[in-house]
Amino acid sequence: GDSTTATPEAALAGAHWLEGQLRDGVLYNEQYKTDDYSTTVD
């Protein structure tokens, strides 16, 4: 669209939450004690 349009705060908040879920660059599934590479790509 218009490159001058600011990214919505709602989208930035979601990105911030996702970034905070990473552990050394990958999501870790604490329930099953394994790295979740597939959702990390998403």
PDB file of all heavy atoms in Angstrom:
ATOM      1  N   GLY A   1       0.818  -1.213   0.000  1.00  0.00           N
ATOM      2  CA  GLY A   1       0.000   0.000   0.000  1.00  0.00           C
ATOM      3  C   GLY A   1       0.846   1.254   0.000  1.00  0.00           C
ATOM      4  O   GLY A   1       1.798   1.398  -0.743  1.00  0.00           O
ATOM      5  N   ASP A   2       0.502   2.152   0.866  1.00  0.00           N
ATOM      6  CA  ASP A   2       1.200   3.423   0.990  1.00  0.00           C
ATOM      7  C   ASP A   2       2.361   3.269   1.956  1.00  0.00           C
ATOM      8  O   ASP A   2       2.178   3.029   3.142  1.00  0.00           O
ATOM      9  CB  ASP A   2       0.219   4.483   1.508  1.00  0.00           C
ATOM     10  CG  ASP A   2       0.859   5.854   1.633  1.00  0.00           C
ATOM     11  OD1 ASP A   2       2.062   5.963   1.357  1.00  0.00           O
ATOM     12  OD2 ASP A   2       0.149   6.803   1.993  1.00  0.00           O
ATOM     13  N   SER A   3       3.576   3.391   1.469  1.00  0.00           N
ATOM     14  CA  SER A   3       4.753   3.161   2.303  1.00  0.00           C
ATOM     15  C   SER A   3       4.904   4.190   3.400  1.00  0.00           C
ATOM     16  O   SER A   3       5.699   4.016   4.317  1.00  0.00           O
ATOM     17  CB  SER A   3       6.018   3.158   1.425  1.00  0.00           C
ATOM     18  OG  SER A   3       6.180   4.413   0.790  1.00  0.00           O
ATOM     19  N   THR A   4       4.133   5.279   3.326  1.00  0.00           N
ATOM     20  CA  THR A   4       4.221   6.296   4.368  1.00  0.00           C
ATOM     21  C   THR A   4       3.287   5.993   5.539  1.00  0.00           C
ATOM     22  O   THR A   4       3.340   6.661   6.558  1.00  0.00           O
ATOM     23  CB  THR A   4       3.863   7.681   3.796  1.00  0.00           C
ATOM     24  OG1 THR A   4       2.494   7.671   3.366  1.00  0.00           O
ATOM     25  CG2 THR A   4       4.756   8.030   2.618  1.00  0.00           C
ATOM     26  N   THR A   5       2.422   4.989   5.389  1.00  0.00           N
ATOM     27  CA  THR A   5       1.488   4.639   6.445  1.00  0.00           C
ATOM     28  C   THR A   5       2.220   3.917   7.567  1.00  0.00           C
ATOM     29  O   THR A   5       2.917   2.937   7.332  1.00  0.00           O
ATOM     30  CB  THR A   5       0.365   3.745   5.901  1.00  0.00           C
ATOM     31  OG1 THR A   5      -0.317   4.437   4.857  1.00  0.00           O
ATOM     32  CG2 THR A   5      -0.621   3.378   7.004  1.00  0.00           C
ATOM     33  N   ALA A   6       2.037   4.368   8.782  1.00  0.00           N
ATOM     34  CA  ALA A   6       2.708   3.754   9.926  1.00  0.00           C
ATOM     35  C   ALA A   6       2.123   2.377  10.205  1.00  0.00           C
ATOM     36  O   ALA A   6       0.928   2.141  10.031  1.00  0.00           O
ATOM     37  CB  ALA A   6       2.552   4.650  11.150  1.00  0.00           C
ATOM     38  N   THR A   7       2.970   1.468  10.635  1.00  0.00           N
ATOM     39  CA  THR A   7       2.509   0.142  11.014  1.00  0.00           C
ATOM     40  C   THR A   7       1.595   0.263  12.235  1.00  0.00           C
ATOM     41  O   THR A   7       1.956   0.914  13.213  1.00  0.00           O
ATOM     42  CB  THR A   7       3.709  -0.762  11.352  1.00  0.00           C
ATOM     43  OG1 THR A   7       4.569  -0.842  10.217  1.00  0.00           O
ATOM     44  CG2 THR A   7       3.244  -2.162  11.719  1.00  0.00           C
ATOM     45  N   PRO A   8       0.425  -0.358  12.215  1.00  0.00           N
ATOM     46  CA  PRO A   8      -0.485  -0.257  13.354  1.00  0.00           C
ATOM     47  C   PRO A   8       0.160  -0.725  14.655  1.00  0.00           C
ATOM     48  O   PRO A   8       0.917  -1.706  14.673  1.00  0.00           O
ATOM     49  CB  PRO A   8      -1.649  -1.173  12.950  1.00  0.00           C
ATOM     50  CG  PRO A   8      -1.617  -1.193  11.454  1.00  0.00           C
ATOM     51  CD  PRO A   8      -0.158  -1.138  11.100  1.00  0.00           C
ATOM     52  N   GLU A   9      -0.149  -0.031  15.737  1.00  0.00           N
ATOM     53  CA  GLU A   9       0.400  -0.397  17.039  1.00  0.00           C
ATOM     54  C   GLU A   9       0.001  -1.813  17.438  1.00  0.00           C
ATOM     55  O   GLU A   9       0.760  -2.517  18.105  1.00  0.00           O
ATOM     56  CB  GLU A   9      -0.065   0.604  18.101  1.00  0.00           C
ATOM     57  CG  GLU A   9       0.586   1.973  17.998  1.00  0.00           C
ATOM     58  CD  GLU A   9       2.097   1.915  18.226  1.00  0.00           C
ATOM     59  OE1 GLU A   9       2.541   1.095  19.061  1.00  0.00           O
ATOM     60  OE2 GLU A   9       2.820   2.660  17.560  1.00  0.00           O
ATOM     61  N   ALA A  10      -1.189  -2.236  17.045  1.00  0.00           N
ATOM     62  CA  ALA A  10      -1.633  -3.592  17.369  1.00  0.00           C
ATOM     63  C   ALA A  10      -0.700  -4.628  16.753  1.00  0.00           C
ATOM     64  O   ALA A  10      -0.363  -5.646  17.388  1.00  0.00           O
ATOM     65  CB  ALA A  10      -3.060  -3.803  16.862  1.00  0.00           C
ATOM     66  N   ALA A  11      -0.266  -4.390  15.519  1.00  0.00           N
ATOM     67  CA  ALA A  11       0.651  -5.320  14.860  1.00  0.00           C
ATOM     68  C   ALA A  11       2.016  -5.320  15.528  1.00  0.00           C
ATOM     69  O   ALA A  11       2.628  -6.374  15.744  1.00  0.00           O
ATOM     70  CB  ALA A  11       0.780  -4.964  13.378  1.00  0.00           C
ATOM     71  N   LEU A  12       2.507  -4.153  15.885  1.00  0.00           N
ATOM     72  CA  LEU A  12       3.809  -4.069  16.554  1.00  0.00           C
ATOM     73  C   LEU A  12       3.766  -4.747  17.917  1.00  0.00           C
ATOM     74  O   LEU A  12       4.744  -5.395  18.330  1.00  0.00           O
ATOM     75  CB  LEU A  12       4.220  -2.605  16.696  1.00  0.00           C
ATOM     76  CG  LEU A  12       4.542  -1.869  15.396  1.00  0.00           C
ATOM     77  CD1 LEU A  12       4.780  -0.386  15.670  1.00  0.00           C
ATOM     78  CD2 LEU A  12       5.767  -2.486  14.725  1.00  0.00           C
ATOM     79  N   ALA A  13       2.647  -4.612  18.635  1.00  0.00           N
ATOM     80  CA  ALA A  13       2.521  -5.254  19.938  1.00  0.00           C
ATOM     81  C   ALA A  13       2.574  -6.772  19.802  1.00  0.00           C
ATOM     82  O   ALA A  13       3.210  -7.468  20.614  1.00  0.00           O
ATOM     83  CB  ALA A  13       1.215  -4.833  20.610  1.00  0.00           C
ATOM     84  N   GLY A  14       1.931  -7.299  18.774  1.00  0.00           N
ATOM     85  CA  GLY A  14       1.973  -8.734  18.540  1.00  0.00           C
ATOM     86  C   GLY A  14       3.362  -9.220  18.195  1.00  0.00           C
ATOM     87  O   GLY A  14       3.803 -10.284  18.648  1.00  0.00           O
ATOM     88  N   ALA A  15       4.067  -8.447  17.376  1.00  0.00           N
ATOM     89  CA  ALA A  15       5.438  -8.816  17.011  1.00  0.00           C
ATOM     90  C   ALA A  15       6.335  -8.821  18.239  1.00  0.00           C
ATOM     91  O   ALA A  15       7.178  -9.707  18.411  1.00  0.00           O
ATOM     92  CB  ALA A  15       5.971  -7.845  15.960  1.00  0.00           C
ATOM     93  N   HIS A  16       6.144  -7.832  19.103  1.00  0.00           N
ATOM     94  CA  HIS A  16       6.946  -7.749  20.331  1.00  0.00           C
ATOM     95  C   HIS A  16       6.696  -8.971  21.217  1.00  0.00           C
ATOM     96  O   HIS A  16       7.639  -9.538  21.788  1.00  0.00           O
ATOM     97  CB  HIS A  16       6.608  -6.468  21.082  1.00  0.00           C
ATOM     98  CG  HIS A  16       7.365  -6.291  22.363  1.00  0.00           C
ATOM     99  ND1 HIS A  16       8.702  -5.972  22.405  1.00  0.00           N
ATOM    100  CD2 HIS A  16       6.956  -6.412  23.662  1.00  0.00           C
ATOM    101  CE1 HIS A  16       9.098  -5.903  23.670  1.00  0.00           C
ATOM    102  NE2 HIS A  16       8.054  -6.170  24.450  1.00  0.00           N
ATOM    103  N   TRP A  17       5.439  -9.387  21.324  1.00  0.00           N
ATOM    104  CA  TRP A  17       5.139 -10.561  22.143  1.00  0.00           C
ATOM    105  C   TRP A  17       5.781 -11.813  21.558  1.00  0.00           C
ATOM    106  O   TRP A  17       6.362 -12.615  22.279  1.00  0.00           O
ATOM    107  CB  TRP A  17       3.623 -10.758  22.255  1.00  0.00           C
ATOM    108  CG  TRP A  17       3.262 -11.909  23.160  1.00  0.00           C
ATOM    109  CD1 TRP A  17       3.196 -11.888  24.528  1.00  0.00           C
ATOM    110  CD2 TRP A  17       2.946 -13.242  22.761  1.00  0.00           C
ATOM    111  NE1 TRP A  17       2.858 -13.137  25.001  1.00  0.00           N
ATOM    112  CE2 TRP A  17       2.690 -13.987  23.939  1.00  0.00           C
ATOM    113  CE3 TRP A  17       2.842 -13.885  21.525  1.00  0.00           C
ATOM    114  CZ2 TRP A  17       2.340 -15.339  23.911  1.00  0.00           C
ATOM    115  CZ3 TRP A  17       2.499 -15.234  21.496  1.00  0.00           C
ATOM    116  CH2 TRP A  17       2.253 -15.943  22.682  1.00  0.00           C
ATOM    117  N   LEU A  18       5.690 -11.970  20.240  1.00  0.00           N
ATOM    118  CA  LEU A  18       6.293 -13.138  19.600  1.00  0.00           C
ATOM    119  C   LEU A  18       7.809 -13.170  19.809  1.00  0.00           C
ATOM    120  O   LEU A  18       8.382 -14.220  20.117  1.00  0.00           O
ATOM    121  CB  LEU A  18       5.980 -13.133  18.105  1.00  0.00           C
ATOM    122  CG  LEU A  18       4.571 -13.565  17.698  1.00  0.00           C
ATOM    123  CD1 LEU A  18       4.383 -13.386  16.197  1.00  0.00           C
ATOM    124  CD2 LEU A  18       4.298 -15.014  18.095  1.00  0.00           C
ATOM    125  N   GLU A  19       8.448 -12.037  19.634  1.00  0.00           N
ATOM    126  CA  GLU A  19       9.902 -11.971  19.833  1.00  0.00           C
ATOM    127  C   GLU A  19      10.270 -12.386  21.251  1.00  0.00           C
ATOM    128  O   GLU A  19      11.294 -13.051  21.472  1.00  0.00           O
ATOM    129  CB  GLU A  19      10.405 -10.557  19.547  1.00  0.00           C
ATOM    130  CG  GLU A  19      10.323 -10.166  18.085  1.00  0.00           C
ATOM    131  CD  GLU A  19      10.491  -8.670  17.873  1.00  0.00           C
ATOM    132  OE1 GLU A  19      10.342  -7.892  18.842  1.00  0.00           O
ATOM    133  OE2 GLU A  19      10.774  -8.266  16.735  1.00  0.00           O
ATOM    134  N   GLY A  20       9.430 -12.020  22.214  1.00  0.00           N
ATOM    135  CA  GLY A  20       9.703 -12.369  23.601  1.00  0.00           C
ATOM    136  C   GLY A  20       9.512 -13.836  23.906  1.00  0.00           C
ATOM    137  O   GLY A  20       9.944 -14.305  24.977  1.00  0.00           O
ATOM    138  N   GLN A  21       8.901 -14.575  22.997  1.00  0.00           N
ATOM    139  CA  GLN A  21       8.703 -16.010  23.193  1.00  0.00           C
ATOM    140  C   GLN A  21       9.913 -16.835  22.770  1.00  0.00           C
ATOM    141  O   GLN A  21      10.005 -18.026  23.093  1.00  0.00           O
ATOM    142  CB  GLN A  21       7.480 -16.483  22.389  1.00  0.00           C
ATOM    143  CG  GLN A  21       6.172 -15.836  22.812  1.00  0.00           C
ATOM    144  CD  GLN A  21       5.806 -16.146  24.234  1.00  0.00           C
ATOM    145  OE1 GLN A  21       5.594 -17.302  24.600  1.00  0.00           O
ATOM    146  NE2 GLN A  21       5.732 -15.122  25.065  1.00  0.00           N
ATOM    147  N   LEU A  22      10.840 -16.222  22.061  1.00  0.00           N
ATOM    148  CA  LEU A  22      12.005 -16.953  21.555  1.00  0.00           C
ATOM    149  C   LEU A  22      13.022 -17.223  22.656  1.00  0.00           C
ATOM    150  O   LEU A  22      13.206 -16.432  23.571  1.00  0.00           O
ATOM    151  CB  LEU A  22      12.667 -16.161  20.430  1.00  0.00           C
ATOM    152  CG  LEU A  22      11.850 -15.984  19.149  1.00  0.00           C
ATOM    153  CD1 LEU A  22      12.482 -14.921  18.257  1.00  0.00           C
ATOM    154  CD2 LEU A  22      11.743 -17.317  18.395  1.00  0.00           C
ATOM    155  N   ARG A  23      13.683 -18.343  22.519  1.00  0.00           N
ATOM    156  CA  ARG A  23      14.786 -18.698  23.393  1.00  0.00           C
ATOM    157  C   ARG A  23      15.980 -19.034  22.500  1.00  0.00           C
ATOM    158  O   ARG A  23      15.993 -20.066  21.835  1.00  0.00           O
ATOM    159  CB  ARG A  23      14.432 -19.901  24.277  1.00  0.00           C
ATOM    160  CG  ARG A  23      15.538 -20.337  25.220  1.00  0.00           C
ATOM    161  CD  ARG A  23      15.220 -21.632  25.936  1.00  0.00           C
ATOM    162  NE  ARG A  23      14.053 -21.520  26.817  1.00  0.00           N
ATOM    163  CZ  ARG A  23      13.643 -22.514  27.615  1.00  0.00           C
ATOM    164  NH1 ARG A  23      14.282 -23.687  27.594  1.00  0.00           N
ATOM    165  NH2 ARG A  23      12.586 -22.337  28.388  1.00  0.00           N
ATOM    166  N   ASP A  24      16.966 -18.155  22.461  1.00  0.00           N
ATOM    167  CA  ASP A  24      18.129 -18.334  21.570  1.00  0.00           C
ATOM    168  C   ASP A  24      17.684 -18.550  20.125  1.00  0.00           C
ATOM    169  O   ASP A  24      18.221 -19.395  19.404  1.00  0.00           O
ATOM    170  CB  ASP A  24      18.993 -19.515  22.035  1.00  0.00           C
ATOM    171  CG  ASP A  24      19.630 -19.264  23.384  1.00  0.00           C
ATOM    172  OD1 ASP A  24      19.979 -18.106  23.679  1.00  0.00           O
ATOM    173  OD2 ASP A  24      19.775 -20.238  24.158  1.00  0.00           O
ATOM    174  N   GLY A  25      16.696 -17.754  19.690  1.00  0.00           N
ATOM    175  CA  GLY A  25      16.286 -17.774  18.296  1.00  0.00           C
ATOM    176  C   GLY A  25      15.280 -18.832  17.915  1.00  0.00           C
ATOM    177  O   GLY A  25      14.932 -18.952  16.740  1.00  0.00           O
ATOM    178  N   VAL A  26      14.787 -19.601  18.871  1.00  0.00           N
ATOM    179  CA  VAL A  26      13.822 -20.663  18.550  1.00  0.00           C
ATOM    180  C   VAL A  26      12.764 -20.723  19.641  1.00  0.00           C
ATOM    181  O   VAL A  26      13.024 -20.388  20.800  1.00  0.00           O
ATOM    182  CB  VAL A  26      14.530 -22.032  18.396  1.00  0.00           C
ATOM    183  CG1 VAL A  26      15.072 -22.531  19.726  1.00  0.00           C
ATOM    184  CG2 VAL A  26      13.623 -23.058  17.755  1.00  0.00           C
ATOM    185  N   LEU A  27      11.568 -21.136  19.267  1.00  0.00           N
ATOM    186  CA  LEU A  27      10.518 -21.364  20.249  1.00  0.00           C
ATOM    187  C   LEU A  27      10.741 -22.706  20.931  1.00  0.00           C
ATOM    188  O   LEU A  27      11.074 -23.700  20.270  1.00  0.00           O
ATOM    189  CB  LEU A  27       9.143 -21.363  19.573  1.00  0.00           C
ATOM    190  CG  LEU A  27       8.670 -20.033  18.987  1.00  0.00           C
ATOM    191  CD1 LEU A  27       7.382 -20.235  18.184  1.00  0.00           C
ATOM    192  CD2 LEU A  27       8.453 -18.993  20.077  1.00  0.00           C
ATOM    193  N   TYR A  28      10.576 -22.734  22.227  1.00  0.00           N
ATOM    194  CA  TYR A  28      10.756 -23.977  22.981  1.00  0.00           C
ATOM    195  C   TYR A  28       9.424 -24.373  23.591  1.00  0.00           C
ATOM    196  O   TYR A  28       8.797 -23.604  24.308  1.00  0.00           O
ATOM    197  CB  TYR A  28      11.793 -23.784  24.088  1.00  0.00           C
ATOM    198  CG  TYR A  28      12.065 -25.047  24.884  1.00  0.00           C
ATOM    199  CD1 TYR A  28      12.801 -26.083  24.326  1.00  0.00           C
ATOM    200  CD2 TYR A  28      11.564 -25.197  26.181  1.00  0.00           C
ATOM    201  CE1 TYR A  28      13.046 -27.250  25.043  1.00  0.00           C
ATOM    202  CE2 TYR A  28      11.808 -26.345  26.898  1.00  0.00           C
ATOM    203  CZ  TYR A  28      12.551 -27.373  26.325  1.00  0.00           C
ATOM    204  OH  TYR A  28      12.787 -28.523  27.043  1.00  0.00           O
ATOM    205  N   ASN A  29       8.963 -25.584  23.280  1.00  0.00           N
ATOM    206  CA  ASN A  29       7.714 -26.094  23.816  1.00  0.00           C
ATOM    207  C   ASN A  29       7.980 -26.715  25.176  1.00  0.00           C
ATOM    208  O   ASN A  29       8.518 -27.817  25.279  1.00  0.00           O
ATOM    209  CB  ASN A  29       7.115 -27.134  22.861  1.00  0.00           C
ATOM    210  CG  ASN A  29       5.714 -27.557  23.266  1.00  0.00           C
ATOM    211  OD1 ASN A  29       5.446 -27.863  24.422  1.00  0.00           O
ATOM    212  ND2 ASN A  29       4.811 -27.583  22.295  1.00  0.00           N
ATOM    213  N   GLU A  30       7.634 -25.969  26.206  1.00  0.00           N
ATOM    214  CA  GLU A  30       7.927 -26.428  27.563  1.00  0.00           C
ATOM    215  C   GLU A  30       7.053 -27.607  27.978  1.00  0.00           C
ATOM    216  O   GLU A  30       7.440 -28.395  28.842  1.00  0.00           O
ATOM    217  CB  GLU A  30       7.748 -25.272  28.538  1.00  0.00           C
ATOM    218  CG  GLU A  30       8.766 -24.152  28.332  1.00  0.00           C
ATOM    219  CD  GLU A  30       8.613 -23.029  29.328  1.00  0.00           C
ATOM    220  OE1 GLU A  30       7.535 -22.938  29.958  1.00  0.00           O
ATOM    221  OE2 GLU A  30       9.560 -22.240  29.483  1.00  0.00           O
ATOM    222  N   GLN A  31       5.896 -27.747  27.361  1.00  0.00           N
ATOM    223  CA  GLN A  31       5.030 -28.870  27.705  1.00  0.00           C
ATOM    224  C   GLN A  31       5.653 -30.195  27.276  1.00  0.00           C
ATOM    225  O   GLN A  31       5.628 -31.184  28.020  1.00  0.00           O
ATOM    226  CB  GLN A  31       3.659 -28.711  27.042  1.00  0.00           C
ATOM    227  CG  GLN A  31       2.678 -29.828  27.404  1.00  0.00           C
ATOM    228  CD  GLN A  31       1.343 -29.681  26.691  1.00  0.00           C
ATOM    229  OE1 GLN A  31       1.174 -28.840  25.804  1.00  0.00           O
ATOM    230  NE2 GLN A  31       0.375 -30.500  27.080  1.00  0.00           N
ATOM    231  N   TYR A  32       6.247 -30.213  26.068  1.00  0.00           N
ATOM    232  CA  TYR A  32       6.824 -31.446  25.536  1.00  0.00           C
ATOM    233  C   TYR A  32       8.348 -31.445  25.523  1.00  0.00           C
ATOM    234  O   TYR A  32       8.978 -32.373  25.011  1.00  0.00           O
ATOM    235  CB  TYR A  32       6.284 -31.706  24.127  1.00  0.00           C
ATOM    236  CG  TYR A  32       4.803 -31.950  24.114  1.00  0.00           C
ATOM    237  CD1 TYR A  32       3.922 -30.975  23.647  1.00  0.00           C
ATOM    238  CD2 TYR A  32       4.268 -33.140  24.587  1.00  0.00           C
ATOM    239  CE1 TYR A  32       2.551 -31.187  23.648  1.00  0.00           C
ATOM    240  CE2 TYR A  32       2.903 -33.367  24.590  1.00  0.00           C
ATOM    241  CZ  TYR A  32       2.039 -32.387  24.118  1.00  0.00           C
ATOM    242  OH  TYR A  32       0.682 -32.605  24.124  1.00  0.00           O
ATOM    243  N   LYS A  33       8.940 -30.392  26.071  1.00  0.00           N
ATOM    244  CA  LYS A  33      10.394 -30.306  26.210  1.00  0.00           C
ATOM    245  C   LYS A  33      11.107 -30.477  24.874  1.00  0.00           C
ATOM    246  O   LYS A  33      12.020 -31.290  24.724  1.00  0.00           O
ATOM    247  CB  LYS A  33      10.905 -31.366  27.209  1.00  0.00           C
ATOM    248  CG  LYS A  33      10.178 -31.377  28.549  1.00  0.00           C
ATOM    249  CD  LYS A  33      10.317 -30.061  29.288  1.00  0.00           C
ATOM    250  CE  LYS A  33       9.625 -30.094  30.642  1.00  0.00           C
ATOM    251  NZ  LYS A  33       9.663 -28.785  31.344  1.00  0.00           N
ATOM    252  N   THR A  34      10.703 -29.688  23.897  1.00  0.00           N
ATOM    253  CA  THR A  34      11.329 -29.782  22.582  1.00  0.00           C
ATOM    254  C   THR A  34      11.299 -28.433  21.882  1.00  0.00           C
ATOM    255  O   THR A  34      10.421 -27.604  22.143  1.00  0.00           O
ATOM    256  CB  THR A  34      10.605 -30.836  21.709  1.00  0.00           C
ATOM    257  OG1 THR A  34      11.301 -30.999  20.474  1.00  0.00           O
ATOM    258  CG2 THR A  34       9.175 -30.417  21.429  1.00  0.00           C
ATOM    259  N   ASP A  35      12.238 -28.215  20.988  1.00  0.00           N
ATOM    260  CA  ASP A  35      12.247 -26.997  20.185  1.00  0.00           C
ATOM    261  C   ASP A  35      11.173 -27.085  19.108  1.00  0.00           C
ATOM    262  O   ASP A  35      10.993 -28.131  18.472  1.00  0.00           O
ATOM    263  CB  ASP A  35      13.616 -26.799  19.519  1.00  0.00           C
ATOM    264  CG  ASP A  35      14.696 -26.426  20.516  1.00  0.00           C
ATOM    265  OD1 ASP A  35      14.394 -25.716  21.485  1.00  0.00           O
ATOM    266  OD2 ASP A  35      15.852 -26.857  20.326  1.00  0.00           O
ATOM    267  N   ASP A  36      10.472 -25.995  18.890  1.00  0.00           N
ATOM    268  CA  ASP A  36       9.396 -25.938  17.903  1.00  0.00           C
ATOM    269  C   ASP A  36       9.882 -25.111  16.711  1.00  0.00           C
ATOM    270  O   ASP A  36       9.625 -23.917  16.609  1.00  0.00           O
ATOM    271  CB  ASP A  36       8.156 -25.312  18.532  1.00  0.00           C
ATOM    272  CG  ASP A  36       6.967 -25.254  17.572  1.00  0.00           C
ATOM    273  OD1 ASP A  36       7.112 -25.689  16.413  1.00  0.00           O
ATOM    274  OD2 ASP A  36       5.908 -24.755  17.991  1.00  0.00           O
ATOM    275  N   TYR A  37      10.572 -25.800  15.799  1.00  0.00           N
ATOM    276  CA  TYR A  37      11.154 -25.112  14.650  1.00  0.00           C
ATOM    277  C   TYR A  37      10.092 -24.679  13.648  1.00  0.00           C
ATOM    278  O   TYR A  37      10.218 -23.622  13.014  1.00  0.00           O
ATOM    279  CB  TYR A  37      12.168 -26.015  13.955  1.00  0.00           C
ATOM    280  CG  TYR A  37      13.408 -26.274  14.765  1.00  0.00           C
ATOM    281  CD1 TYR A  37      13.603 -27.492  15.417  1.00  0.00           C
ATOM    282  CD2 TYR A  37      14.402 -25.306  14.880  1.00  0.00           C
ATOM    283  CE1 TYR A  37      14.740 -27.734  16.163  1.00  0.00           C
ATOM    284  CE2 TYR A  37      15.546 -25.532  15.632  1.00  0.00           C
ATOM    285  CZ  TYR A  37      15.713 -26.751  16.272  1.00  0.00           C
ATOM    286  OH  TYR A  37      16.835 -26.982  17.016  1.00  0.00           O
ATOM    287  N   SER A  38       9.048 -25.473  13.479  1.00  0.00           N
ATOM    288  CA  SER A  38       8.031 -25.151  12.483  1.00  0.00           C
ATOM    289  C   SER A  38       7.336 -23.829  12.803  1.00  0.00           C
ATOM    290  O   SER A  38       7.233 -22.946  11.941  1.00  0.00           O
ATOM    291  CB  SER A  38       6.994 -26.273  12.412  1.00  0.00           C
ATOM    292  OG  SER A  38       6.041 -26.000  11.404  1.00  0.00           O
ATOM    293  N   THR A  39       6.869 -23.673  14.041  1.00  0.00           N
ATOM    294  CA  THR A  39       6.213 -22.421  14.405  1.00  0.00           C
ATOM    295  C   THR A  39       7.206 -21.270  14.426  1.00  0.00           C
ATOM    296  O   THR A  39       6.836 -20.117  14.201  1.00  0.00           O
ATOM    297  CB  THR A  39       5.513 -22.552  15.775  1.00  0.00           C
ATOM    298  OG1 THR A  39       4.675 -23.708  15.766  1.00  0.00           O
ATOM    299  CG2 THR A  39       4.652 -21.329  16.072  1.00  0.00           C
ATOM    300  N   THR A  40       8.485 -21.584  14.654  1.00  0.00           N
ATOM    301  CA  THR A  40       9.513 -20.545  14.605  1.00  0.00           C
ATOM    302  C   THR A  40       9.602 -19.934  13.206  1.00  0.00           C
ATOM    303  O   THR A  40       9.761 -18.720  13.058  1.00  0.00           O
ATOM    304  CB  THR A  40      10.880 -21.099  15.028  1.00  0.00           C
ATOM    305  OG1 THR A  40      10.809 -21.594  16.369  1.00  0.00           O
ATOM    306  CG2 THR A  40      11.957 -20.026  14.951  1.00  0.00           C
ATOM    307  N   VAL A  41       9.488 -20.761  12.175  1.00  0.00           N
ATOM    308  CA  VAL A  41       9.484 -20.237  10.804  1.00  0.00           C
ATOM    309  C   VAL A  41       8.262 -19.348  10.593  1.00  0.00           C
ATOM    310  O   VAL A  41       8.365 -18.245  10.039  1.00  0.00           O
ATOM    311  CB  VAL A  41       9.510 -21.375   9.771  1.00  0.00           C
ATOM    312  CG1 VAL A  41       9.434 -20.794   8.348  1.00  0.00           C
ATOM    313  CG2 VAL A  41      10.765 -22.215   9.912  1.00  0.00           C
ATOM    314  N   ASP A  42       7.097 -19.818  11.043  1.00  0.00           N
ATOM    315  CA  ASP A  42       5.886 -19.000  10.922  1.00  0.00           C
ATOM    316  C   ASP A  42       6.069 -17.665  11.649  1.00  0.00           C
ATOM    317  O   ASP A  42       5.666 -16.605  11.150  1.00  0.00           O
ATOM    318  CB  ASP A  42       4.690 -19.740  11.516  1.00  0.00           C
ATOM    319  CG  ASP A  42       4.355 -21.017  10.770  1.00  0.00           C
ATOM    320  OD1 ASP A  42       4.666 -21.095   9.567  1.00  0.00           O
ATOM    321  OD2 ASP A  42       3.795 -21.933  11.392  1.00  0.00           O
TER     322      ASP A  42
END
